[in-house]
């Protein structure tokens, strides 16, 4: 796990849920179902989910990452490089109804499930969940604290089905 975390830290990351609704009829995707932001700046990797007219994940691999270059402007984007794909890329997507389960390559022990649904005013919404402190939780934040020589720790924060906030600190 340490080598994979070091790969993640090479990009200095923060992982956070970001359920930003989007009109699926206009875009055919939810652009930020989950985000990873570098701790050294405001840029972040966003995980978009392709959706169909019913707001369900569409295609055999609906989740795809890309850079949101927030330091260049609110709409600036770039693809991930092949090196960045090793840390932030997506593996093993499995669709089932209104959800898709996948693994971020740099966090292989923490599969993420994105649930999609039609929300207010016909927009498609997404929420992400993963195991945090042994509990299935809606992800609110995963923070990677970067030190001089690599990862100091990873804080995972979410909300359990009971409504309780769950927190776990993972050390490399």
N, C-alpha and C. Protein backbone atom coordinates (compact mmCIF):
# COMPACT_ATOMS: atom_id res chain seq x y z
N UNK A 1 0.83 -1.19 0.00
CA UNK A 1 0.00 0.00 0.00
C UNK A 1 0.87 1.25 0.00
N UNK A 2 2.02 1.18 0.66
CA UNK A 2 2.88 2.36 0.75
C UNK A 2 3.32 2.83 -0.63
N UNK A 3 3.72 1.90 -1.52
CA UNK A 3 4.15 2.29 -2.86
C UNK A 3 3.03 2.97 -3.64
N UNK A 4 1.82 2.43 -3.51
CA UNK A 4 0.70 3.04 -4.21
C UNK A 4 0.39 4.41 -3.64
N UNK A 5 0.48 4.56 -2.33
CA UNK A 5 0.24 5.86 -1.72
C UNK A 5 1.31 6.86 -2.15
N UNK A 6 2.54 6.40 -2.24
CA UNK A 6 3.60 7.29 -2.70
C UNK A 6 3.33 7.74 -4.13
N UNK A 7 2.79 6.85 -4.95
CA UNK A 7 2.41 7.23 -6.31
C UNK A 7 1.36 8.31 -6.28
N UNK A 8 0.38 8.15 -5.39
CA UNK A 8 -0.66 9.17 -5.24
C UNK A 8 -0.05 10.49 -4.79
N UNK A 9 0.86 10.40 -3.83
CA UNK A 9 1.45 11.61 -3.30
C UNK A 9 2.30 12.31 -4.33
N UNK A 10 2.86 11.58 -5.26
CA UNK A 10 3.63 12.22 -6.31
C UNK A 10 2.77 13.28 -6.98
N UNK A 11 1.49 13.09 -6.94
CA UNK A 11 0.58 14.09 -7.47
C UNK A 11 -0.05 14.89 -6.34
N UNK A 12 0.28 14.62 -5.09
CA UNK A 12 -0.20 15.34 -3.91
C UNK A 12 -1.70 15.47 -3.87
N UNK A 13 -2.41 14.46 -3.40
CA UNK A 13 -3.84 14.43 -3.64
C UNK A 13 -4.73 14.59 -2.44
N UNK A 14 -5.92 15.03 -2.73
CA UNK A 14 -7.04 15.08 -1.80
C UNK A 14 -8.21 14.47 -2.55
N UNK A 15 -8.93 13.59 -1.91
CA UNK A 15 -10.07 12.95 -2.55
C UNK A 15 -11.32 13.42 -1.84
N UNK A 16 -12.30 13.87 -2.61
CA UNK A 16 -13.52 14.35 -1.97
C UNK A 16 -14.72 14.10 -2.86
N UNK A 17 -15.83 13.80 -2.24
CA UNK A 17 -17.07 13.69 -3.00
C UNK A 17 -17.47 15.08 -3.43
N UNK A 18 -18.07 15.16 -4.60
CA UNK A 18 -18.47 16.46 -5.11
C UNK A 18 -19.71 16.28 -5.95
N UNK A 19 -20.87 16.07 -5.34
CA UNK A 19 -22.07 15.80 -6.11
C UNK A 19 -22.62 17.07 -6.75
N UNK A 20 -22.06 17.45 -7.87
CA UNK A 20 -22.52 18.64 -8.58
C UNK A 20 -23.52 18.22 -9.65
N UNK A 21 -24.78 18.61 -9.51
CA UNK A 21 -25.79 18.19 -10.47
C UNK A 21 -25.58 18.82 -11.83
N UNK A 22 -26.00 18.09 -12.84
CA UNK A 22 -25.88 18.55 -14.22
C UNK A 22 -27.09 18.09 -14.99
N UNK A 23 -27.50 18.83 -15.97
CA UNK A 23 -28.60 18.46 -16.85
C UNK A 23 -28.10 17.38 -17.80
N UNK A 24 -28.49 16.12 -17.55
CA UNK A 24 -27.98 14.99 -18.34
C UNK A 24 -28.38 15.09 -19.80
N UNK A 25 -29.51 15.70 -20.09
CA UNK A 25 -29.92 15.79 -21.49
C UNK A 25 -28.99 16.70 -22.27
N UNK A 26 -28.32 17.63 -21.58
CA UNK A 26 -27.40 18.53 -22.25
C UNK A 26 -26.01 17.93 -22.37
N UNK A 27 -25.52 17.27 -21.30
CA UNK A 27 -24.14 16.82 -21.28
C UNK A 27 -23.97 15.31 -21.38
N UNK A 28 -24.97 14.50 -20.97
CA UNK A 28 -24.84 13.06 -20.99
C UNK A 28 -23.89 12.54 -19.93
N UNK A 29 -23.52 13.38 -18.97
CA UNK A 29 -22.67 12.93 -17.89
C UNK A 29 -22.81 13.83 -16.68
N UNK A 30 -22.43 13.29 -15.55
CA UNK A 30 -22.28 14.06 -14.32
C UNK A 30 -20.79 14.35 -14.24
N UNK A 31 -20.37 15.60 -14.36
CA UNK A 31 -18.95 15.89 -14.53
C UNK A 31 -18.09 15.70 -13.29
N UNK A 32 -18.65 15.74 -12.11
CA UNK A 32 -17.84 15.65 -10.89
C UNK A 32 -18.54 14.82 -9.83
N UNK A 33 -18.64 13.52 -10.07
CA UNK A 33 -19.25 12.64 -9.07
C UNK A 33 -18.31 12.44 -7.89
N UNK A 34 -17.03 12.65 -8.13
CA UNK A 34 -15.99 12.50 -7.12
C UNK A 34 -14.80 13.32 -7.60
N UNK A 35 -14.03 13.89 -6.68
CA UNK A 35 -12.86 14.66 -7.11
C UNK A 35 -11.63 14.29 -6.30
N UNK A 36 -10.49 14.47 -6.92
CA UNK A 36 -9.19 14.36 -6.27
C UNK A 36 -8.47 15.66 -6.58
N UNK A 37 -8.11 16.39 -5.53
CA UNK A 37 -7.43 17.67 -5.72
C UNK A 37 -6.03 17.62 -5.14
N UNK A 38 -5.07 18.20 -5.84
CA UNK A 38 -3.70 18.25 -5.34
C UNK A 38 -3.64 19.16 -4.13
N UNK A 39 -2.95 18.73 -3.11
CA UNK A 39 -2.84 19.54 -1.90
C UNK A 39 -1.98 20.78 -2.13
N UNK A 40 -1.18 20.78 -3.18
CA UNK A 40 -0.28 21.91 -3.42
C UNK A 40 -0.93 23.04 -4.21
N UNK A 41 -2.09 22.78 -4.81
CA UNK A 41 -2.79 23.85 -5.52
C UNK A 41 -4.27 23.51 -5.63
N UNK A 42 -5.01 24.31 -6.37
CA UNK A 42 -6.45 24.14 -6.45
C UNK A 42 -6.90 23.18 -7.54
N UNK A 43 -6.00 22.75 -8.42
CA UNK A 43 -6.38 21.83 -9.49
C UNK A 43 -6.84 20.50 -8.90
N UNK A 44 -7.76 19.83 -9.58
CA UNK A 44 -8.28 18.58 -9.07
C UNK A 44 -8.61 17.63 -10.20
N UNK A 45 -8.50 16.34 -9.91
CA UNK A 45 -8.96 15.33 -10.84
C UNK A 45 -10.43 15.11 -10.55
N UNK A 46 -11.26 15.22 -11.56
CA UNK A 46 -12.69 14.97 -11.41
C UNK A 46 -13.01 13.63 -12.04
N UNK A 47 -13.94 12.91 -11.44
CA UNK A 47 -14.41 11.63 -11.97
C UNK A 47 -15.81 11.85 -12.51
N UNK A 48 -15.91 11.89 -13.82
CA UNK A 48 -17.20 12.08 -14.48
C UNK A 48 -17.87 10.72 -14.67
N UNK A 49 -19.19 10.73 -14.69
CA UNK A 49 -19.96 9.51 -14.91
C UNK A 49 -20.90 9.75 -16.08
N UNK A 50 -20.73 8.97 -17.15
CA UNK A 50 -21.65 9.03 -18.29
C UNK A 50 -22.99 8.45 -17.84
N UNK A 51 -24.08 9.15 -18.20
CA UNK A 51 -25.42 8.71 -17.81
C UNK A 51 -26.34 8.68 -19.01
N UNK A 52 -27.39 7.86 -18.91
CA UNK A 52 -28.39 7.80 -19.96
C UNK A 52 -29.55 8.74 -19.64
N UNK A 53 -30.61 8.68 -20.41
CA UNK A 53 -31.75 9.57 -20.21
C UNK A 53 -32.44 9.38 -18.85
N UNK A 54 -32.26 8.20 -18.24
CA UNK A 54 -32.85 7.93 -16.94
C UNK A 54 -31.88 8.24 -15.80
N UNK A 55 -30.75 8.85 -16.13
CA UNK A 55 -29.70 9.20 -15.16
C UNK A 55 -28.97 7.98 -14.61
N UNK A 56 -29.06 6.84 -15.26
CA UNK A 56 -28.32 5.65 -14.86
C UNK A 56 -26.97 5.64 -15.56
N UNK A 57 -25.94 5.06 -14.95
CA UNK A 57 -24.64 4.98 -15.61
C UNK A 57 -24.79 4.33 -16.99
N UNK A 58 -24.10 4.90 -17.98
CA UNK A 58 -24.25 4.45 -19.37
C UNK A 58 -22.93 3.90 -19.90
N UNK A 59 -23.02 2.84 -20.67
CA UNK A 59 -21.84 2.25 -21.30
C UNK A 59 -21.15 1.26 -20.39
N UNK A 60 -20.15 0.58 -20.93
CA UNK A 60 -19.46 -0.45 -20.15
C UNK A 60 -18.44 0.15 -19.17
N UNK A 61 -17.98 1.37 -19.41
CA UNK A 61 -17.03 2.04 -18.52
C UNK A 61 -17.45 3.50 -18.36
N UNK A 62 -18.50 3.74 -17.56
CA UNK A 62 -19.06 5.09 -17.47
C UNK A 62 -18.21 6.11 -16.71
N UNK A 63 -17.30 5.67 -15.85
CA UNK A 63 -16.51 6.60 -15.04
C UNK A 63 -15.19 6.90 -15.75
N UNK A 64 -14.87 8.18 -15.87
CA UNK A 64 -13.57 8.56 -16.45
C UNK A 64 -13.05 9.83 -15.77
N UNK A 65 -11.73 9.83 -15.46
CA UNK A 65 -11.13 10.98 -14.79
C UNK A 65 -10.57 12.00 -15.78
N UNK A 66 -10.49 13.24 -15.34
CA UNK A 66 -9.86 14.32 -16.11
C UNK A 66 -9.47 15.41 -15.12
N UNK A 67 -8.56 16.27 -15.54
CA UNK A 67 -8.14 17.39 -14.69
C UNK A 67 -9.09 18.56 -14.82
N UNK A 68 -9.48 19.13 -13.71
CA UNK A 68 -10.14 20.44 -13.66
C UNK A 68 -9.04 21.40 -13.26
N UNK A 69 -8.59 22.22 -14.18
CA UNK A 69 -7.45 23.12 -13.97
C UNK A 69 -7.95 24.44 -13.39
N UNK A 70 -8.37 24.41 -12.14
CA UNK A 70 -9.01 25.55 -11.51
C UNK A 70 -8.09 26.76 -11.40
N UNK A 71 -6.79 26.53 -11.39
CA UNK A 71 -5.87 27.67 -11.34
C UNK A 71 -5.81 28.42 -12.66
N UNK A 72 -6.35 27.79 -13.74
CA UNK A 72 -6.40 28.44 -15.05
C UNK A 72 -7.79 29.02 -15.34
N UNK A 73 -8.76 28.67 -14.53
CA UNK A 73 -10.12 29.17 -14.72
C UNK A 73 -11.13 28.10 -14.38
N UNK A 74 -12.39 28.48 -14.16
CA UNK A 74 -13.40 27.53 -13.68
C UNK A 74 -13.78 26.46 -14.69
N UNK A 75 -13.54 26.68 -15.98
CA UNK A 75 -13.93 25.71 -17.00
C UNK A 75 -12.75 25.07 -17.71
N UNK A 76 -11.53 25.33 -17.26
CA UNK A 76 -10.34 24.77 -17.92
C UNK A 76 -10.17 23.30 -17.51
N UNK A 77 -9.98 22.44 -18.50
CA UNK A 77 -9.79 21.02 -18.24
C UNK A 77 -8.62 20.49 -19.08
N UNK A 78 -8.08 19.36 -18.65
CA UNK A 78 -7.02 18.67 -19.39
C UNK A 78 -7.16 17.18 -19.12
N UNK A 79 -6.73 16.35 -20.06
CA UNK A 79 -6.72 14.91 -19.80
C UNK A 79 -5.57 14.55 -18.86
N UNK A 80 -5.67 13.40 -18.22
CA UNK A 80 -4.58 12.90 -17.40
C UNK A 80 -3.48 12.36 -18.31
N UNK A 81 -2.24 12.51 -17.89
CA UNK A 81 -1.14 11.90 -18.63
C UNK A 81 -1.08 10.42 -18.28
N UNK A 82 -0.30 9.66 -19.02
CA UNK A 82 -0.19 8.22 -18.72
C UNK A 82 0.39 8.00 -17.33
N UNK A 83 1.31 8.84 -16.89
CA UNK A 83 1.85 8.73 -15.53
C UNK A 83 0.80 9.01 -14.47
N UNK A 84 -0.03 10.02 -14.72
CA UNK A 84 -1.11 10.35 -13.79
C UNK A 84 -2.17 9.26 -13.75
N UNK A 85 -2.36 8.58 -14.88
CA UNK A 85 -3.32 7.46 -14.93
C UNK A 85 -2.93 6.36 -13.95
N UNK A 86 -1.62 6.16 -13.73
CA UNK A 86 -1.17 5.12 -12.79
C UNK A 86 -1.65 5.40 -11.37
N UNK A 87 -1.78 6.66 -11.00
CA UNK A 87 -2.24 7.01 -9.66
C UNK A 87 -3.74 7.30 -9.62
N UNK A 88 -4.25 8.03 -10.63
CA UNK A 88 -5.62 8.52 -10.59
C UNK A 88 -6.57 7.79 -11.54
N UNK A 89 -6.04 6.86 -12.32
CA UNK A 89 -6.88 6.15 -13.28
C UNK A 89 -7.90 5.25 -12.60
N UNK A 90 -8.83 4.75 -13.40
CA UNK A 90 -9.94 3.93 -12.92
C UNK A 90 -9.71 2.49 -13.35
N UNK A 91 -9.99 1.57 -12.44
CA UNK A 91 -9.91 0.13 -12.72
C UNK A 91 -11.18 -0.57 -12.34
N UNK A 92 -11.45 -1.66 -13.04
CA UNK A 92 -12.49 -2.59 -12.64
C UNK A 92 -13.88 -2.03 -12.49
N UNK A 93 -14.37 -1.28 -13.45
CA UNK A 93 -15.72 -0.73 -13.33
C UNK A 93 -16.77 -1.83 -13.46
N UNK A 94 -17.73 -1.81 -12.55
CA UNK A 94 -18.85 -2.74 -12.58
C UNK A 94 -20.15 -1.96 -12.42
N UNK A 95 -20.98 -1.99 -13.45
CA UNK A 95 -22.28 -1.30 -13.38
C UNK A 95 -23.34 -2.23 -12.83
N UNK A 96 -24.28 -1.65 -12.09
CA UNK A 96 -25.42 -2.40 -11.60
C UNK A 96 -26.55 -1.41 -11.35
N UNK A 97 -27.54 -1.40 -12.22
CA UNK A 97 -28.68 -0.50 -12.06
C UNK A 97 -28.26 0.96 -12.07
N UNK A 98 -28.49 1.63 -10.94
CA UNK A 98 -28.19 3.06 -10.84
C UNK A 98 -26.82 3.33 -10.22
N UNK A 99 -25.94 2.34 -10.23
CA UNK A 99 -24.63 2.56 -9.62
C UNK A 99 -23.51 1.93 -10.44
N UNK A 100 -22.32 2.41 -10.18
CA UNK A 100 -21.11 1.84 -10.77
C UNK A 100 -20.05 1.80 -9.68
N UNK A 101 -19.38 0.65 -9.57
CA UNK A 101 -18.33 0.45 -8.57
C UNK A 101 -16.99 0.42 -9.31
N UNK A 102 -16.01 1.15 -8.77
CA UNK A 102 -14.70 1.20 -9.41
C UNK A 102 -13.62 1.41 -8.37
N UNK A 103 -12.39 1.30 -8.80
CA UNK A 103 -11.23 1.50 -7.94
C UNK A 103 -10.36 2.57 -8.55
N UNK A 104 -9.94 3.52 -7.73
CA UNK A 104 -8.91 4.48 -8.14
C UNK A 104 -7.59 3.73 -7.96
N UNK A 105 -6.78 3.68 -8.99
CA UNK A 105 -5.56 2.86 -8.97
C UNK A 105 -4.67 3.14 -7.76
N UNK A 106 -4.59 4.37 -7.31
CA UNK A 106 -3.75 4.71 -6.16
C UNK A 106 -4.35 4.33 -4.82
N UNK A 107 -5.61 3.91 -4.81
CA UNK A 107 -6.30 3.49 -3.57
C UNK A 107 -7.00 2.15 -3.80
N UNK A 108 -6.25 1.11 -4.14
CA UNK A 108 -6.89 -0.15 -4.55
C UNK A 108 -7.68 -0.86 -3.46
N UNK A 109 -7.39 -0.59 -2.19
CA UNK A 109 -8.10 -1.25 -1.09
C UNK A 109 -9.41 -0.56 -0.74
N UNK A 110 -9.76 0.52 -1.45
CA UNK A 110 -10.96 1.29 -1.13
C UNK A 110 -11.85 1.45 -2.36
N UNK A 111 -12.56 0.39 -2.77
CA UNK A 111 -13.47 0.55 -3.91
C UNK A 111 -14.50 1.64 -3.62
N UNK A 112 -14.88 2.34 -4.66
CA UNK A 112 -15.84 3.45 -4.56
C UNK A 112 -17.07 3.08 -5.38
N UNK A 113 -18.23 3.35 -4.83
CA UNK A 113 -19.48 3.14 -5.55
C UNK A 113 -20.13 4.50 -5.77
N UNK A 114 -20.44 4.80 -7.02
CA UNK A 114 -21.16 6.03 -7.36
C UNK A 114 -22.60 5.66 -7.66
N UNK A 115 -23.52 6.29 -6.95
CA UNK A 115 -24.95 6.09 -7.18
C UNK A 115 -25.46 7.32 -7.94
N UNK A 116 -26.21 7.09 -8.98
CA UNK A 116 -26.77 8.19 -9.76
C UNK A 116 -28.29 8.15 -9.69
N UNK A 117 -28.91 9.32 -9.81
CA UNK A 117 -30.37 9.41 -9.75
C UNK A 117 -30.80 10.75 -10.33
N UNK A 118 -32.06 10.81 -10.74
CA UNK A 118 -32.63 12.07 -11.18
C UNK A 118 -32.98 12.87 -9.94
N UNK A 119 -32.50 14.09 -9.89
CA UNK A 119 -32.74 14.94 -8.73
C UNK A 119 -33.69 16.07 -9.05
N UNK A 120 -33.54 17.15 -8.33
CA UNK A 120 -34.38 18.33 -8.51
C UNK A 120 -34.34 18.84 -9.93
N UNK A 121 -35.48 19.26 -10.41
CA UNK A 121 -35.62 19.89 -11.72
C UNK A 121 -35.08 19.03 -12.86
N UNK A 122 -35.11 17.70 -12.69
CA UNK A 122 -34.71 16.79 -13.76
C UNK A 122 -33.21 16.61 -13.94
N UNK A 123 -32.42 17.19 -13.07
CA UNK A 123 -30.97 17.06 -13.19
C UNK A 123 -30.52 15.71 -12.65
N UNK A 124 -29.41 15.21 -13.19
CA UNK A 124 -28.81 13.98 -12.67
C UNK A 124 -27.86 14.34 -11.54
N UNK A 125 -27.96 13.59 -10.44
CA UNK A 125 -27.10 13.78 -9.28
C UNK A 125 -26.31 12.50 -9.04
N UNK A 126 -25.19 12.64 -8.36
CA UNK A 126 -24.38 11.48 -7.99
C UNK A 126 -23.89 11.64 -6.57
N UNK A 127 -23.82 10.51 -5.85
CA UNK A 127 -23.17 10.46 -4.56
C UNK A 127 -22.20 9.29 -4.60
N UNK A 128 -21.11 9.43 -3.87
CA UNK A 128 -20.08 8.39 -3.84
C UNK A 128 -19.99 7.81 -2.44
N UNK A 129 -19.75 6.50 -2.36
CA UNK A 129 -19.62 5.86 -1.06
C UNK A 129 -18.44 4.89 -1.07
N UNK A 130 -17.90 4.65 0.12
CA UNK A 130 -16.81 3.70 0.31
C UNK A 130 -16.79 3.28 1.76
N UNK A 131 -15.97 2.31 2.09
CA UNK A 131 -15.82 1.89 3.47
C UNK A 131 -14.90 2.86 4.20
N UNK A 132 -15.39 3.40 5.29
CA UNK A 132 -14.61 4.29 6.14
C UNK A 132 -14.78 3.79 7.57
N UNK A 133 -13.68 3.47 8.22
CA UNK A 133 -13.70 2.94 9.59
C UNK A 133 -14.62 1.72 9.69
N UNK A 134 -14.60 0.88 8.65
CA UNK A 134 -15.39 -0.34 8.65
C UNK A 134 -16.87 -0.14 8.40
N UNK A 135 -17.28 1.07 8.03
CA UNK A 135 -18.68 1.39 7.81
C UNK A 135 -18.88 1.91 6.40
N UNK A 136 -19.94 1.45 5.72
CA UNK A 136 -20.26 2.01 4.41
C UNK A 136 -20.72 3.45 4.63
N UNK A 137 -20.07 4.39 3.96
CA UNK A 137 -20.37 5.80 4.18
C UNK A 137 -20.36 6.58 2.88
N UNK A 138 -21.19 7.61 2.84
CA UNK A 138 -21.17 8.57 1.73
C UNK A 138 -19.91 9.41 1.92
N UNK A 139 -19.06 9.43 0.91
CA UNK A 139 -17.78 10.13 1.02
C UNK A 139 -18.01 11.63 1.05
N UNK A 140 -17.44 12.28 2.06
CA UNK A 140 -17.47 13.73 2.07
C UNK A 140 -16.07 14.29 1.85
N UNK A 141 -15.04 13.53 2.26
CA UNK A 141 -13.68 14.02 2.07
C UNK A 141 -12.68 12.89 2.32
N UNK A 142 -11.68 12.82 1.47
CA UNK A 142 -10.52 11.98 1.72
C UNK A 142 -9.32 12.88 1.49
N UNK A 143 -8.60 13.13 2.55
CA UNK A 143 -7.50 14.10 2.51
C UNK A 143 -6.18 13.38 2.68
N UNK A 144 -5.28 13.58 1.72
CA UNK A 144 -3.95 13.01 1.81
C UNK A 144 -3.00 14.10 2.26
N UNK A 145 -2.44 13.95 3.46
CA UNK A 145 -1.48 14.90 4.00
C UNK A 145 -0.11 14.52 3.48
N UNK A 146 0.47 15.43 2.70
CA UNK A 146 1.76 15.19 2.08
C UNK A 146 2.85 15.80 2.94
N UNK A 147 3.86 15.00 3.21
CA UNK A 147 5.02 15.48 3.95
C UNK A 147 6.21 15.63 3.02
N UNK A 148 7.34 15.97 3.58
CA UNK A 148 8.55 16.18 2.78
C UNK A 148 8.98 14.92 2.05
N UNK A 149 8.82 13.74 2.70
CA UNK A 149 9.27 12.49 2.10
C UNK A 149 8.13 11.59 1.64
N UNK A 150 6.94 12.10 1.51
CA UNK A 150 5.81 11.29 1.05
C UNK A 150 4.56 11.55 1.86
N UNK A 151 3.74 10.52 1.95
CA UNK A 151 2.46 10.63 2.65
C UNK A 151 2.69 10.58 4.15
N UNK A 152 2.12 11.57 4.87
CA UNK A 152 2.12 11.52 6.33
C UNK A 152 0.94 10.69 6.81
N UNK A 153 -0.24 10.97 6.25
CA UNK A 153 -1.44 10.22 6.58
C UNK A 153 -2.53 10.53 5.57
N UNK A 154 -3.59 9.72 5.62
CA UNK A 154 -4.77 9.94 4.80
C UNK A 154 -5.96 10.00 5.75
N UNK A 155 -6.70 11.07 5.70
CA UNK A 155 -7.94 11.18 6.48
C UNK A 155 -9.12 10.89 5.57
N UNK A 156 -9.92 9.92 5.97
CA UNK A 156 -11.15 9.57 5.26
C UNK A 156 -12.32 10.05 6.11
N UNK A 157 -13.22 10.79 5.52
CA UNK A 157 -14.39 11.28 6.24
C UNK A 157 -15.63 11.05 5.39
N UNK A 158 -16.71 10.64 6.06
CA UNK A 158 -17.96 10.42 5.36
C UNK A 158 -19.12 10.43 6.33
N UNK A 159 -20.30 10.13 5.79
CA UNK A 159 -21.51 10.08 6.61
C UNK A 159 -22.11 8.69 6.46
N UNK A 160 -22.26 7.99 7.59
CA UNK A 160 -22.84 6.65 7.60
C UNK A 160 -24.34 6.72 7.33
N UNK A 161 -24.93 5.58 7.04
CA UNK A 161 -26.38 5.53 6.77
C UNK A 161 -27.19 6.01 7.97
N UNK A 162 -26.65 5.93 9.17
CA UNK A 162 -27.34 6.39 10.37
C UNK A 162 -27.30 7.90 10.51
N UNK A 163 -26.48 8.56 9.67
CA UNK A 163 -26.31 10.01 9.75
C UNK A 163 -25.09 10.42 10.55
N UNK A 164 -24.44 9.46 11.17
CA UNK A 164 -23.25 9.75 11.97
C UNK A 164 -22.06 10.03 11.05
N UNK A 165 -21.24 10.99 11.43
CA UNK A 165 -20.01 11.27 10.71
C UNK A 165 -18.99 10.22 11.11
N UNK A 166 -18.35 9.60 10.12
CA UNK A 166 -17.32 8.61 10.39
C UNK A 166 -15.99 9.14 9.86
N UNK A 167 -14.94 8.79 10.59
CA UNK A 167 -13.61 9.31 10.25
C UNK A 167 -12.59 8.19 10.46
N UNK A 168 -11.64 8.13 9.56
CA UNK A 168 -10.55 7.18 9.70
C UNK A 168 -9.27 7.81 9.23
N UNK A 169 -8.22 7.68 10.01
CA UNK A 169 -6.90 8.15 9.60
C UNK A 169 -6.07 6.92 9.26
N UNK A 170 -5.56 6.89 8.04
CA UNK A 170 -4.76 5.79 7.54
C UNK A 170 -3.32 6.29 7.41
N UNK A 171 -2.40 5.55 8.02
CA UNK A 171 -0.97 5.91 7.93
C UNK A 171 -0.29 4.94 6.98
N UNK A 172 0.66 5.45 6.21
CA UNK A 172 1.35 4.55 5.26
C UNK A 172 2.25 3.56 5.98
